[in-house]
C-alpha atoms as a PDB file:
ATOM      1  CA  MET A   1      30.568   6.637  -1.801  1.00  0.00           C
ATOM      2  CA  PRO A   2      28.016   3.581  -1.628  1.00  0.00           C
ATOM      3  CA  ARG A   3      24.295   4.560  -2.400  1.00  0.00           C
ATOM      4  CA  TYR A   4      22.703   5.156   1.152  1.00  0.00           C
ATOM      5  CA  TYR A   5      18.891   4.460   1.883  1.00  0.00           C
ATOM      6  CA  THR A   6      17.238   6.274   4.776  1.00  0.00           C
ATOM      7  CA  ARG A   7      14.601   4.372   6.656  1.00  0.00           C
ATOM      8  CA  ALA A   8      12.876   6.104   9.709  1.00  0.00           C
ATOM      9  CA  CYS A   9      12.773   3.684  12.874  1.00  0.00           C
ATOM     10  CA  ASN A  10      12.189   3.516  16.529  1.00  0.00           C
ATOM     11  CA  PHE A  11       8.564   4.707  16.473  1.00  0.00           C
ATOM     12  CA  TYR A  12       6.533   6.177  19.132  1.00  0.00           C
ATOM     13  CA  TYR A  13       2.719   6.282  19.011  1.00  0.00           C
ATOM     14  CA  GLY A  14      -0.163   8.101  20.909  1.00  0.00           C
ATOM     15  CA  LYS A  15       0.407  10.313  24.026  1.00  0.00           C
ATOM     16  CA  THR A  16       3.918   8.883  24.349  1.00  0.00           C
ATOM     17  CA  SER A  17       4.707  10.503  20.658  1.00  0.00           C
ATOM     18  CA  LYS A  18       2.990  13.758  21.611  1.00  0.00           C
ATOM     19  CA  ALA A  19       5.044  14.159  24.604  1.00  0.00           C
ATOM     20  CA  LEU A  20       8.592  13.374  22.778  1.00  0.00           C
ATOM     21  CA  LEU A  21       7.474  15.981  20.036  1.00  0.00           C
ATOM     22  CA  LYS A  22       6.861  18.623  22.492  1.00  0.00           C
ATOM     23  CA  LYS A  23      10.211  17.919  24.075  1.00  0.00           C
ATOM     24  CA  LYS A  24      11.690  17.927  20.598  1.00  0.00           C
ATOM     25  CA  LYS A  25      13.166  14.532  21.275  1.00  0.00           C
ATOM     26  CA  THR A  26      11.580  12.851  17.965  1.00  0.00           C
ATOM     27  CA  LEU A  27      10.335  13.868  14.578  1.00  0.00           C
ATOM     28  CA  PRO A  28       6.764  13.436  13.383  1.00  0.00           C
ATOM     29  CA  LEU A  29       5.910  10.942  10.746  1.00  0.00           C
ATOM     30  CA  ASN A  30       4.166  12.860   7.862  1.00  0.00           C
ATOM     31  CA  GLY A  31       3.516  15.782   9.983  1.00  0.00           C
ATOM     32  CA  HIS A  32       1.530  13.499  12.588  1.00  0.00           C
ATOM     33  CA  LYS A  33       1.682  14.024  16.243  1.00  0.00           C
ATOM     34  CA  GLU A  34       0.368  10.782  16.970  1.00  0.00           C
ATOM     35  CA  ILE A  35       3.348   8.850  15.499  1.00  0.00           C
ATOM     36  CA  SER A  36       6.986   9.879  15.592  1.00  0.00           C
ATOM     37  CA  PHE A  37      10.505   8.568  15.597  1.00  0.00           C
ATOM     38  CA  ASP A  38      13.849   9.255  16.807  1.00  0.00           C
ATOM     39  CA  HIS A  39      16.242   6.889  14.854  1.00  0.00           C
ATOM     40  CA  LEU A  40      17.229   6.377  11.316  1.00  0.00           C
ATOM     41  CA  GLU A  41      18.755   3.317   9.612  1.00  0.00           C
ATOM     42  CA  LEU A  42      21.209   3.987   6.832  1.00  0.00           C
ATOM     43  CA  ILE A  43      21.102   1.164   4.573  1.00  0.00           C
ATOM     44  CA  SER A  44      23.614   0.297   1.791  1.00  0.00           C
ATOM     45  CA  ARG A  45      24.045  -2.888  -0.172  1.00  0.00           C
ATOM     46  CA  LYS A  46      27.081  -3.772   2.077  1.00  0.00           C
ATOM     47  CA  SER A  47      25.973  -2.368   5.416  1.00  0.00           C
ATOM     48  CA  LYS A  48      23.389  -1.132   7.832  1.00  0.00           C
ATOM     49  CA  LYS A  49      23.725   1.334  10.584  1.00  0.00           C
ATOM     50  CA  LYS A  50      21.277   2.953  13.056  1.00  0.00           C
ATOM     51  CA  ILE A  51      21.884   6.528  14.279  1.00  0.00           C
ATOM     52  CA  SER A  52      19.583   8.726  16.438  1.00  0.00           C
ATOM     53  CA  ILE A  53      18.446  11.760  14.791  1.00  0.00           C
ATOM     54  CA  ASN A  54      20.532  13.773  17.142  1.00  0.00           C
ATOM     55  CA  GLN A  55      23.771  12.362  15.415  1.00  0.00           C
ATOM     56  CA  LEU A  56      23.116  13.917  12.151  1.00  0.00           C
ATOM     57  CA  SER A  57      25.666  16.642  12.582  1.00  0.00           C
ATOM     58  CA  SER A  58      28.467  14.168  12.991  1.00  0.00           C
ATOM     59  CA  LEU A  59      27.919  12.489   9.435  1.00  0.00           C
ATOM     60  CA  PRO A  60      30.113  13.554   6.400  1.00  0.00           C
ATOM     61  CA  LYS A  61      28.772  16.543   4.779  1.00  0.00           C
ATOM     62  CA  SER A  62      27.542  15.104   1.661  1.00  0.00           C
ATOM     63  CA  LEU A  63      25.620  12.037   3.340  1.00  0.00           C
ATOM     64  CA  LYS A  64      24.118  14.628   6.003  1.00  0.00           C
ATOM     65  CA  LYS A  65      22.914  16.486   3.116  1.00  0.00           C
ATOM     66  CA  GLU A  66      21.186  13.571   1.277  1.00  0.00           C
ATOM     67  CA  ILE A  67      19.561  12.538   4.604  1.00  0.00           C
ATOM     68  CA  ILE A  68      18.276  15.962   5.248  1.00  0.00           C
ATOM     69  CA  SER A  69      16.611  15.952   2.185  1.00  0.00           C
ATOM     70  CA  ASP A  70      15.150  12.404   2.853  1.00  0.00           C
ATOM     71  CA  LEU A  71      13.923  13.627   6.197  1.00  0.00           C
ATOM     72  CA  LYS A  72      11.987  16.309   4.483  1.00  0.00           C
ATOM     73  CA  LYS A  73      10.049  13.690   2.583  1.00  0.00           C
ATOM     74  CA  ILE A  74       9.445  11.436   5.619  1.00  0.00           C
ATOM     75  CA  THR A  75       8.189  14.237   7.789  1.00  0.00           C
ATOM     76  CA  SER A  76       6.112  16.253   5.240  1.00  0.00           C
ATOM     77  CA  LYS A  77       2.622  16.178   5.619  1.00  0.00           C
ATOM     78  CA  LYS A  78       0.517  14.288   2.759  1.00  0.00           C
ATOM     79  CA  LYS A  79      -2.491  15.877   1.117  1.00  0.00           C
ATOM     80  CA  ASN A  80      -5.811  14.123   0.986  1.00  0.00           C
ATOM     81  CA  PHE A  81      -7.207  12.659  -2.204  1.00  0.00           C
ATOM     82  CA  ALA A  82      -9.706  10.043  -3.321  1.00  0.00           C
ATOM     83  CA  ASN A  83     -11.425  10.195  -0.197  1.00  0.00           C
ATOM     84  CA  PHE A  84      -8.162   9.059   1.858  1.00  0.00           C
ATOM     85  CA  ASN A  85      -7.690  11.157   5.016  1.00  0.00           C
ATOM     86  CA  PHE A  86      -4.023  10.933   5.674  1.00  0.00           C
ATOM     87  CA  SER A  87      -4.384  12.971   9.068  1.00  0.00           C
ATOM     88  CA  GLU A  88      -5.578   9.491  10.248  1.00  0.00           C
ATOM     89  CA  LEU A  89      -3.809   6.305  10.173  1.00  0.00           C
ATOM     90  CA  PRO A  90      -4.607   3.984   8.782  1.00  0.00           C
ATOM     91  CA  ASN A  91      -6.867   4.433   6.019  1.00  0.00           C
ATOM     92  CA  ILE A  92      -8.905   1.137   5.064  1.00  0.00           C
ATOM     93  CA  MET A  93      -9.621   0.273   1.389  1.00  0.00           C
ATOM     94  CA  GLY A  94     -12.014  -2.564   1.424  1.00  0.00           C
ATOM     95  CA  VAL A  95     -11.890  -5.348  -1.203  1.00  0.00           C
ATOM     96  CA  LEU A  96     -14.732  -6.018  -3.410  1.00  0.00           C
ATOM     97  CA  ASN A  97     -13.592  -9.155  -5.787  1.00  0.00           C
ATOM     98  CA  LEU A  98     -16.107  -9.703  -8.539  1.00  0.00           C
ATOM     99  CA  THR A  99     -14.141 -12.779  -9.766  1.00  0.00           C
ATOM    100  CA  PRO A 100     -15.317 -16.417  -9.646  1.00  0.00           C
ATOM    101  CA  ASP A 101     -11.491 -17.500  -9.054  1.00  0.00           C
ATOM    102  CA  SER A 102      -9.988 -15.058  -6.336  1.00  0.00           C
ATOM    103  CA  PHE A 103      -7.801 -16.756  -3.925  1.00  0.00           C
ATOM    104  CA  SER A 104      -9.976 -16.254  -0.709  1.00  0.00           C
ATOM    105  CA  ASP A 105     -13.415 -14.938  -1.805  1.00  0.00           C
ATOM    106  CA  GLY A 106     -13.733 -16.023  -5.467  1.00  0.00           C
ATOM    107  CA  GLY A 107     -17.491 -16.075  -6.436  1.00  0.00           C
ATOM    108  CA  GLN A 108     -19.054 -14.804  -3.280  1.00  0.00           C
ATOM    109  CA  PHE A 109     -19.835 -11.239  -4.276  1.00  0.00           C
ATOM    110  CA  ASN A 110     -19.793 -11.329  -8.227  1.00  0.00           C
ATOM    111  CA  LYS A 111     -23.627 -11.104  -8.142  1.00  0.00           C
ATOM    112  CA  LYS A 112     -25.032  -7.341  -8.351  1.00  0.00           C
ATOM    113  CA  LYS A 113     -27.148  -7.099  -5.463  1.00  0.00           C
ATOM    114  CA  ILE A 114     -24.713  -9.182  -3.074  1.00  0.00           C
ATOM    115  CA  GLY A 115     -21.709  -7.057  -4.394  1.00  0.00           C
ATOM    116  CA  ILE A 116     -23.461  -3.755  -3.867  1.00  0.00           C
ATOM    117  CA  HIS A 117     -24.636  -4.855  -0.499  1.00  0.00           C
ATOM    118  CA  HIS A 118     -21.146  -5.922   0.715  1.00  0.00           C
ATOM    119  CA  ALA A 119     -19.662  -2.565  -0.624  1.00  0.00           C
ATOM    120  CA  ASN A 120     -22.414  -0.774   1.417  1.00  0.00           C
ATOM    121  CA  GLU A 121     -21.317  -2.914   4.726  1.00  0.00           C
ATOM    122  CA  MET A 122     -17.642  -2.215   4.184  1.00  0.00           C
ATOM    123  CA  LEU A 123     -18.272   1.689   3.924  1.00  0.00           C
ATOM    124  CA  LEU A 124     -20.430   1.629   7.011  1.00  0.00           C
ATOM    125  CA  SER A 125     -17.672  -0.157   8.748  1.00  0.00           C
ATOM    126  CA  GLY A 126     -15.276   2.414   8.078  1.00  0.00           C
ATOM    127  CA  ALA A 127     -13.532   1.780   4.704  1.00  0.00           C
ATOM    128  CA  ARG A 128     -12.786   4.893   2.935  1.00  0.00           C
ATOM    129  CA  VAL A 129     -12.429   3.411  -0.424  1.00  0.00           C
ATOM    130  CA  ILE A 130     -13.807   0.231  -2.394  1.00  0.00           C
ATOM    131  CA  ASP A 131     -11.347  -1.371  -4.592  1.00  0.00           C
ATOM    132  CA  VAL A 132     -13.362  -3.315  -7.115  1.00  0.00           C
ATOM    133  CA  GLY A 133     -11.639  -6.037  -9.222  1.00  0.00           C
ATOM    134  CA  GLY A 134     -12.803  -8.430 -12.037  1.00  0.00           C
ATOM    135  CA  GLU A 135      -9.621 -10.213 -12.899  1.00  0.00           C
ATOM    136  CA  SER A 136      -7.980 -12.458 -10.567  1.00  0.00           C
ATOM    137  CA  THR A 137      -4.338 -11.960 -10.037  1.00  0.00           C
ATOM    138  CA  ARG A 138      -3.686 -14.821  -7.399  1.00  0.00           C
ATOM    139  CA  PRO A 139      -0.691 -16.650  -7.995  1.00  0.00           C
ATOM    140  CA  GLY A 140      -0.988 -19.165 -10.967  1.00  0.00           C
ATOM    141  CA  SER A 141      -3.946 -17.125 -12.553  1.00  0.00           C
ATOM    142  CA  LYS A 142      -4.304 -16.463 -16.169  1.00  0.00           C
ATOM    143  CA  ALA A 143      -5.295 -13.093 -17.984  1.00  0.00           C
ATOM    144  CA  ILE A 144      -8.785 -12.807 -18.977  1.00  0.00           C
ATOM    145  CA  SER A 145      -9.855 -10.679 -21.963  1.00  0.00           C
ATOM    146  CA  LEU A 146     -10.926  -7.065 -21.767  1.00  0.00           C
ATOM    147  CA  LYS A 147     -14.729  -7.998 -22.517  1.00  0.00           C
ATOM    148  CA  VAL A 148     -14.857 -10.525 -19.815  1.00  0.00           C
ATOM    149  CA  GLU A 149     -13.164  -8.344 -17.161  1.00  0.00           C
ATOM    150  CA  TRP A 150     -15.385  -5.454 -18.070  1.00  0.00           C
ATOM    151  CA  ASN A 151     -18.604  -7.750 -18.125  1.00  0.00           C
ATOM    152  CA  ARG A 152     -18.027  -8.757 -14.557  1.00  0.00           C
ATOM    153  CA  ILE A 153     -17.715  -5.100 -13.087  1.00  0.00           C
ATOM    154  CA  ASN A 154     -19.740  -2.945 -15.334  1.00  0.00           C
ATOM    155  CA  LYS A 155     -23.312  -3.483 -13.797  1.00  0.00           C
ATOM    156  CA  ILE A 156     -21.853  -3.029 -10.171  1.00  0.00           C
ATOM    157  CA  LEU A 157     -19.547   0.135 -10.892  1.00  0.00           C
ATOM    158  CA  LYS A 158     -22.412   2.180 -12.060  1.00  0.00           C
ATOM    159  CA  PRO A 159     -24.426   2.180  -8.824  1.00  0.00           C
ATOM    160  CA  ILE A 160     -21.530   2.170  -6.423  1.00  0.00           C
ATOM    161  CA  CYS A 161     -19.575   4.860  -8.220  1.00  0.00           C
ATOM    162  CA  LYS A 162     -22.412   7.051  -7.154  1.00  0.00           C
ATOM    163  CA  LYS A 163     -22.392   6.301  -3.557  1.00  0.00           C
ATOM    164  CA  PHE A 164     -18.810   5.582  -2.755  1.00  0.00           C
ATOM    165  CA  SER A 165     -15.140   6.338  -3.504  1.00  0.00           C
ATOM    166  CA  VAL A 166     -13.973   3.792  -5.789  1.00  0.00           C
ATOM    167  CA  SER A 167     -10.820   2.343  -6.796  1.00  0.00           C
ATOM    168  CA  LEU A 168     -10.625   0.110  -9.827  1.00  0.00           C
ATOM    169  CA  ASP A 169      -8.223  -2.692  -9.631  1.00  0.00           C
ATOM    170  CA  THR A 170      -7.149  -3.523 -13.333  1.00  0.00           C
ATOM    171  CA  ARG A 171      -4.108  -3.888 -15.439  1.00  0.00           C
ATOM    172  CA  LYS A 172      -5.762  -2.925 -18.583  1.00  0.00           C
ATOM    173  CA  SER A 173      -5.891   0.685 -20.067  1.00  0.00           C
ATOM    174  CA  GLU A 174      -9.487   0.295 -21.813  1.00  0.00           C
ATOM    175  CA  VAL A 175     -10.817  -0.885 -18.628  1.00  0.00           C
ATOM    176  CA  MET A 176      -9.501   2.220 -16.736  1.00  0.00           C
ATOM    177  CA  GLU A 177     -10.882   4.704 -19.164  1.00  0.00           C
ATOM    178  CA  LYS A 178     -14.276   3.081 -18.970  1.00  0.00           C
ATOM    179  CA  GLY A 179     -14.185   3.035 -15.287  1.00  0.00           C
ATOM    180  CA  ILE A 180     -12.939   6.721 -15.105  1.00  0.00           C
ATOM    181  CA  LYS A 181     -15.903   7.604 -17.426  1.00  0.00           C
ATOM    182  CA  LEU A 182     -18.142   5.936 -14.906  1.00  0.00           C
ATOM    183  CA  GLY A 183     -16.806   7.910 -11.883  1.00  0.00           C
ATOM    184  CA  ILE A 184     -14.094   5.842 -10.107  1.00  0.00           C
ATOM    185  CA  LYS A 185     -11.628   7.974  -8.162  1.00  0.00           C
ATOM    186  CA  ILE A 186      -8.431   6.126  -8.188  1.00  0.00           C
ATOM    187  CA  ILE A 187      -6.575   3.267 -10.438  1.00  0.00           C
ATOM    188  CA  ASN A 188      -4.759   0.244  -8.748  1.00  0.00           C
ATOM    189  CA  ASP A 189      -2.640  -1.506 -11.139  1.00  0.00           C
ATOM    190  CA  VAL A 190      -1.152  -4.630  -9.688  1.00  0.00           C
ATOM    191  CA  SER A 191       1.593  -4.759 -12.435  1.00  0.00           C
ATOM    192  CA  GLY A 192       3.043  -1.381 -11.770  1.00  0.00           C
ATOM    193  CA  LEU A 193       1.958   0.159 -14.911  1.00  0.00           C
ATOM    194  CA  ASN A 194       4.032  -2.461 -16.910  1.00  0.00           C
ATOM    195  CA  TYR A 195       1.229  -4.854 -18.301  1.00  0.00           C
ATOM    196  CA  ASP A 196      -0.361  -2.520 -20.774  1.00  0.00           C
ATOM    197  CA  PRO A 197       1.968   0.363 -22.489  1.00  0.00           C
ATOM    198  CA  LYS A 198      -1.355   2.275 -22.898  1.00  0.00           C
ATOM    199  CA  THR A 199      -1.925   2.735 -19.244  1.00  0.00           C
ATOM    200  CA  ILE A 200       0.243   5.844 -18.370  1.00  0.00           C
ATOM    201  CA  TYR A 201      -1.261   7.741 -21.260  1.00  0.00           C
ATOM    202  CA  ILE A 202      -4.762   7.098 -19.582  1.00  0.00           C
ATOM    203  CA  LEU A 203      -3.592   8.197 -16.312  1.00  0.00           C
ATOM    204  CA  LYS A 204      -1.707  11.362 -17.796  1.00  0.00           C
ATOM    205  CA  LYS A 205      -5.031  12.185 -20.071  1.00  0.00           C
ATOM    206  CA  TYR A 206      -7.379  11.876 -17.029  1.00  0.00           C
ATOM    207  CA  ASN A 207      -4.730  13.321 -14.559  1.00  0.00           C
ATOM    208  CA  ILE A 208      -6.280  10.812 -12.071  1.00  0.00           C
ATOM    209  CA  PRO A 209      -4.511   9.327  -8.780  1.00  0.00           C
ATOM    210  CA  PHE A 210      -3.112   6.055  -9.194  1.00  0.00           C
ATOM    211  CA  ILE A 211      -1.594   3.292  -7.128  1.00  0.00           C
ATOM    212  CA  ILE A 212       1.938   1.737  -8.528  1.00  0.00           C
ATOM    213  CA  GLN A 213       2.231  -1.781  -7.125  1.00  0.00           C
ATOM    214  CA  HIS A 214       5.655  -3.942  -7.471  1.00  0.00           C
ATOM    215  CA  SER A 215       5.416  -7.118  -8.900  1.00  0.00           C
ATOM    216  CA  GLN A 216       8.041  -9.460 -10.101  1.00  0.00           C
ATOM    217  CA  GLY A 217       6.636 -11.557 -13.282  1.00  0.00           C
ATOM    218  CA  THR A 218       3.164 -12.143 -14.055  1.00  0.00           C
ATOM    219  CA  PRO A 219       0.192 -13.634 -11.642  1.00  0.00           C
ATOM    220  CA  GLU A 220       0.875 -16.573 -13.886  1.00  0.00           C
ATOM    221  CA  ASN A 221       4.599 -17.213 -13.212  1.00  0.00           C
ATOM    222  CA  MET A 222       5.370 -14.839 -10.350  1.00  0.00           C
ATOM    223  CA  GLN A 223       5.690 -17.408  -7.410  1.00  0.00           C
ATOM    224  CA  ASN A 224       7.935 -19.572  -9.545  1.00  0.00           C
ATOM    225  CA  ASN A 225      11.049 -19.150  -7.467  1.00  0.00           C
ATOM    226  CA  PRO A 226      11.067 -15.393  -7.077  1.00  0.00           C
ATOM    227  CA  SER A 227      14.690 -14.137  -6.630  1.00  0.00           C
ATOM    228  CA  TYR A 228      16.311 -10.888  -5.521  1.00  0.00           C
ATOM    229  CA  LYS A 229      19.815  -9.876  -4.141  1.00  0.00           C
ATOM    230  CA  TYR A 230      18.598  -7.130  -1.920  1.00  0.00           C
ATOM    231  CA  GLU A 231      14.863  -7.143  -2.323  1.00  0.00           C
ATOM    232  CA  LEU A 232      14.162  -4.154  -0.070  1.00  0.00           C
ATOM    233  CA  LEU A 233      16.378  -2.016  -1.802  1.00  0.00           C
ATOM    234  CA  GLU A 234      15.619  -3.337  -5.304  1.00  0.00           C
ATOM    235  CA  ILE A 235      11.951  -2.691  -4.860  1.00  0.00           C
ATOM    236  CA  TYR A 236      12.771   0.860  -3.533  1.00  0.00           C
ATOM    237  CA  ASP A 237      14.838   1.458  -6.710  1.00  0.00           C
ATOM    238  CA  PHE A 238      11.994   0.186  -8.807  1.00  0.00           C
ATOM    239  CA  PHE A 239       9.533   2.965  -7.424  1.00  0.00           C
ATOM    240  CA  GLU A 240      12.215   5.540  -7.642  1.00  0.00           C
ATOM    241  CA  LYS A 241      12.636   4.919 -11.443  1.00  0.00           C
ATOM    242  CA  LYS A 242       9.221   4.446 -12.339  1.00  0.00           C
ATOM    243  CA  ILE A 243       8.365   7.960 -10.339  1.00  0.00           C
ATOM    244  CA  LYS A 244      11.115   9.679 -12.442  1.00  0.00           C
ATOM    245  CA  PHE A 245       9.763   8.071 -15.674  1.00  0.00           C
ATOM    246  CA  LEU A 246       6.250   9.419 -14.864  1.00  0.00           C
ATOM    247  CA  ARG A 247       7.604  12.765 -14.164  1.00  0.00           C
ATOM    248  CA  SER A 248       9.591  12.714 -17.511  1.00  0.00           C
ATOM    249  CA  ILE A 249       6.344  12.172 -19.635  1.00  0.00           C
ATOM    250  CA  GLY A 250       4.339  14.912 -17.690  1.00  0.00           C
ATOM    251  CA  ILE A 251       2.528  13.244 -14.834  1.00  0.00           C
ATOM    252  CA  LYS A 252       3.482  15.953 -12.410  1.00  0.00           C
ATOM    253  CA  HIS A 253       0.930  15.441  -9.833  1.00  0.00           C
ATOM    254  CA  ASP A 254       1.620  13.791  -6.351  1.00  0.00           C
ATOM    255  CA  LYS A 255      -1.737  11.927  -6.180  1.00  0.00           C
ATOM    256  CA  ILE A 256       0.282   8.466  -6.113  1.00  0.00           C
ATOM    257  CA  ILE A 257       0.355   5.871  -3.877  1.00  0.00           C
ATOM    258  CA  ILE A 258       3.255   3.124  -3.426  1.00  0.00           C
ATOM    259  CA  ASP A 259       2.450  -0.792  -2.652  1.00  0.00           C
ATOM    260  CA  PRO A 260       5.437  -2.915  -2.319  1.00  0.00           C
ATOM    261  CA  GLY A 261       3.098  -5.808  -3.545  1.00  0.00           C
ATOM    262  CA  ILE A 262       3.203  -8.446  -0.714  1.00  0.00           C
ATOM    263  CA  GLY A 263       2.984 -11.995  -2.391  1.00  0.00           C
ATOM    264  CA  PHE A 264       3.500 -10.626  -5.892  1.00  0.00           C
ATOM    265  CA  GLY A 265       6.595 -12.507  -6.665  1.00  0.00           C
ATOM    266  CA  LYS A 266       8.073 -12.790  -3.324  1.00  0.00           C
ATOM    267  CA  ASN A 267       8.558 -15.928  -0.779  1.00  0.00           C
ATOM    268  CA  LEU A 268       8.118 -15.559   2.881  1.00  0.00           C
ATOM    269  CA  LYS A 269      11.809 -14.257   3.269  1.00  0.00           C
ATOM    270  CA  HIS A 270      11.176 -11.485   0.871  1.00  0.00           C
ATOM    271  CA  ASN A 271       7.489 -10.573   2.660  1.00  0.00           C
ATOM    272  CA  MET A 272       8.941 -10.474   6.074  1.00  0.00           C
ATOM    273  CA  ASN A 273      12.118  -8.275   5.183  1.00  0.00           C
ATOM    274  CA  LEU A 274       9.499  -6.004   3.348  1.00  0.00           C
ATOM    275  CA  ILE A 275       6.961  -5.657   6.070  1.00  0.00           C
ATOM    276  CA  SER A 276       9.842  -5.424   8.843  1.00  0.00           C
ATOM    277  CA  ASN A 277      11.241  -2.640   7.080  1.00  0.00           C
ATOM    278  CA  ILE A 278       8.043  -1.088   5.564  1.00  0.00           C
ATOM    279  CA  SER A 279       9.046   2.506   6.807  1.00  0.00           C
ATOM    280  CA  ILE A 280      11.752   2.719   4.148  1.00  0.00           C
ATOM    281  CA  PHE A 281       9.208   3.467   1.605  1.00  0.00           C
ATOM    282  CA  HIS A 282       8.164   6.863   3.449  1.00  0.00           C
ATOM    283  CA  THR A 283      11.418   8.270   2.091  1.00  0.00           C
ATOM    284  CA  LEU A 284      10.017   8.228  -1.276  1.00  0.00           C
ATOM    285  CA  GLY A 285       7.731  11.129  -0.229  1.00  0.00           C
ATOM    286  CA  PHE A 286       4.205   9.306  -1.181  1.00  0.00           C
ATOM    287  CA  PRO A 287       1.762   7.578   1.023  1.00  0.00           C
ATOM    288  CA  VAL A 288       2.232   3.696   1.466  1.00  0.00           C
ATOM    289  CA  LEU A 289      -0.409   0.845   0.873  1.00  0.00           C
ATOM    290  CA  VAL A 290      -0.026  -2.579   1.845  1.00  0.00           C
ATOM    291  CA  GLY A 291      -2.035  -5.505   0.956  1.00  0.00           C
ATOM    292  CA  ASN A 292      -1.578  -7.777   4.136  1.00  0.00           C
ATOM    293  CA  SER A 293      -5.216  -9.113   4.172  1.00  0.00           C
ATOM    294  CA  ARG A 294      -5.412 -13.107   4.142  1.00  0.00           C
ATOM    295  CA  LYS A 295      -2.014 -13.304   2.416  1.00  0.00           C
ATOM    296  CA  LYS A 296      -0.227 -16.458   2.398  1.00  0.00           C
ATOM    297  CA  PHE A 297       2.680 -15.419   4.620  1.00  0.00           C
ATOM    298  CA  ILE A 298       0.075 -15.697   7.558  1.00  0.00           C
ATOM    299  CA  LYS A 299      -0.420 -19.380   6.751  1.00  0.00           C
ATOM    300  CA  GLU A 300       3.282 -20.078   6.464  1.00  0.00           C
ATOM    301  CA  LEU A 301       3.923 -18.324  10.067  1.00  0.00           C
ATOM    302  CA  SER A 302       0.929 -19.485  11.629  1.00  0.00           C
ATOM    303  CA  GLY A 303       1.356 -23.282  10.474  1.00  0.00           C
ATOM    304  CA  THR A 304      -1.341 -25.467  11.988  1.00  0.00           C
ATOM    305  CA  ASN A 305      -3.056 -22.394  13.262  1.00  0.00           C
ATOM    306  CA  ASP A 306      -3.999 -21.248   9.832  1.00  0.00           C
ATOM    307  CA  THR A 307      -7.708 -20.541   9.742  1.00  0.00           C
ATOM    308  CA  LYS A 308      -9.750 -20.069   6.292  1.00  0.00           C
ATOM    309  CA  ASN A 309     -10.044 -16.078   6.707  1.00  0.00           C
ATOM    310  CA  ARG A 310      -6.687 -15.612   8.628  1.00  0.00           C
ATOM    311  CA  THR A 311      -8.375 -12.834  10.500  1.00  0.00           C
ATOM    312  CA  GLY A 312      -5.732 -13.146  13.340  1.00  0.00           C
ATOM    313  CA  GLY A 313      -2.852 -12.837  11.128  1.00  0.00           C
ATOM    314  CA  THR A 314      -4.358  -9.813   9.259  1.00  0.00           C
ATOM    315  CA  VAL A 315      -5.303  -8.116  12.408  1.00  0.00           C
ATOM    316  CA  ALA A 316      -1.702  -8.742  13.757  1.00  0.00           C
ATOM    317  CA  SER A 317       0.087  -7.544  10.788  1.00  0.00           C
ATOM    318  CA  SER A 318      -2.459  -4.550  10.356  1.00  0.00           C
ATOM    319  CA  LEU A 319      -1.365  -3.348  13.745  1.00  0.00           C
ATOM    320  CA  PHE A 320       2.366  -3.845  13.123  1.00  0.00           C
ATOM    321  CA  LEU A 321       1.992  -1.887   9.743  1.00  0.00           C
ATOM    322  CA  MET A 322      -0.124   0.838  11.622  1.00  0.00           C
ATOM    323  CA  MET A 323       2.821   1.380  14.068  1.00  0.00           C
ATOM    324  CA  GLN A 324       5.392   1.937  11.052  1.00  0.00           C
ATOM    325  CA  GLY A 325       3.175   4.566   9.579  1.00  0.00           C
ATOM    326  CA  VAL A 326       1.581   2.811   6.720  1.00  0.00           C
ATOM    327  CA  GLN A 327      -1.180   4.900   5.567  1.00  0.00           C
ATOM    328  CA  ILE A 328      -3.579   2.510   3.738  1.00  0.00           C
ATOM    329  CA  LEU A 329      -4.455  -1.182   4.298  1.00  0.00           C
ATOM    330  CA  ARG A 330      -6.105  -3.130   1.820  1.00  0.00           C
ATOM    331  CA  ILE A 331      -8.629  -5.357   3.603  1.00  0.00           C
ATOM    332  CA  HIS A 332     -11.316  -7.970   3.120  1.00  0.00           C
ATOM    333  CA  GLU A 333     -12.610  -8.199   6.488  1.00  0.00           C
ATOM    334  CA  VAL A 334     -13.132  -4.447   7.230  1.00  0.00           C
ATOM    335  CA  ASP A 335     -15.366  -4.532  10.524  1.00  0.00           C
ATOM    336  CA  GLU A 336     -13.085  -6.909  12.055  1.00  0.00           C
ATOM    337  CA  ILE A 337      -9.862  -4.903  11.478  1.00  0.00           C
ATOM    338  CA  ILE A 338     -11.133  -1.470  12.482  1.00  0.00           C
ATOM    339  CA  GLN A 339     -12.358  -3.164  15.452  1.00  0.00           C
ATOM    340  CA  GLY A 340      -8.859  -4.248  16.231  1.00  0.00           C
ATOM    341  CA  ILE A 341      -7.508  -0.997  15.325  1.00  0.00           C
ATOM    342  CA  LYS A 342      -9.932   1.170  17.445  1.00  0.00           C
ATOM    343  CA  VAL A 343      -9.260  -1.140  20.713  1.00  0.00           C
ATOM    344  CA  PHE A 344      -5.530  -1.090  20.153  1.00  0.00           C
ATOM    345  CA  LYS A 345      -5.479   2.888  19.807  1.00  0.00           C
ATOM    346  CA  GLU A 346      -7.667   3.084  23.028  1.00  0.00           C
ATOM    347  CA  LEU A 347      -5.287   0.953  25.037  1.00  0.00           C
ATOM    348  CA  ILE A 348      -2.089   2.762  24.085  1.00  0.00           C
ATOM    349  CA  LYS A 349      -3.830   6.089  25.006  1.00  0.00           C
ATOM    350  CA  ARG A 350      -3.695   5.060  28.780  1.00  0.00           C
END
């Protein structure tokens, strides 16, 4: 029998979700009353089939058992960590790039006072975690030395770790360890723990929460004709294998976040397929993070309406991702996105 993957779909939100849950017509996503679903999509490398949750009993016994196991992961409540509150959707991670060459805000915040002020503004706007990075990983960027990266972030990390919940965006184990000693709460490795083989031992040693991001290739070459046969399922398999490996070396905690890596070794078709089917990653049983802010897919879709900050496209994609139950959005313009989310939530209550 072919391998099937389970994707929750046909979501309901707000008071409609609560009403349907009360009538037992839907199932809650991650234990939420505000978002629920009544269909599943069963995906293999050869076919797709949507079924109602009421049709499970008609499936072959072995497949039914597999899907029930998946449903336990999809519906189970997530425990909070690193200041993320998974009883609220979505959580916002504010971006603080301390680089001279990031794709959209390079050089804007890399002075100490300006960086601290911007972090404080994002926190006041509603960001739960501030993601600090000292190395650009935009398409075409080259790796920098450990010394250069650490010098960019060191002076700002010290004061903000005392005030905020800080995520450290780095691929280097030594930078991770230095940051952990200063008080960072979570590691964000865009290489999927592949760049530095020592990384996994730092994560194990300090038992710290971390984000695994999928990326095909390195920032320097990742957009040179990225290729997949079944990108959605291949990326799902990547996470499944990575989690299995981490368990095998003794990392047993569930303070792990999955990031499919929009724009990291993906073209427009790959990105759109990932975003459209993002709810498949709930089946892994971990919170899902998406970095949709200001990404190139917004330019490619909007064409002549592309603007420098791409706020409109970021708001639109953020609302779509929220409606698929994505727990964390990594965002540059925190205030504007939270404003859009608040207004949208109020409108659908009525």
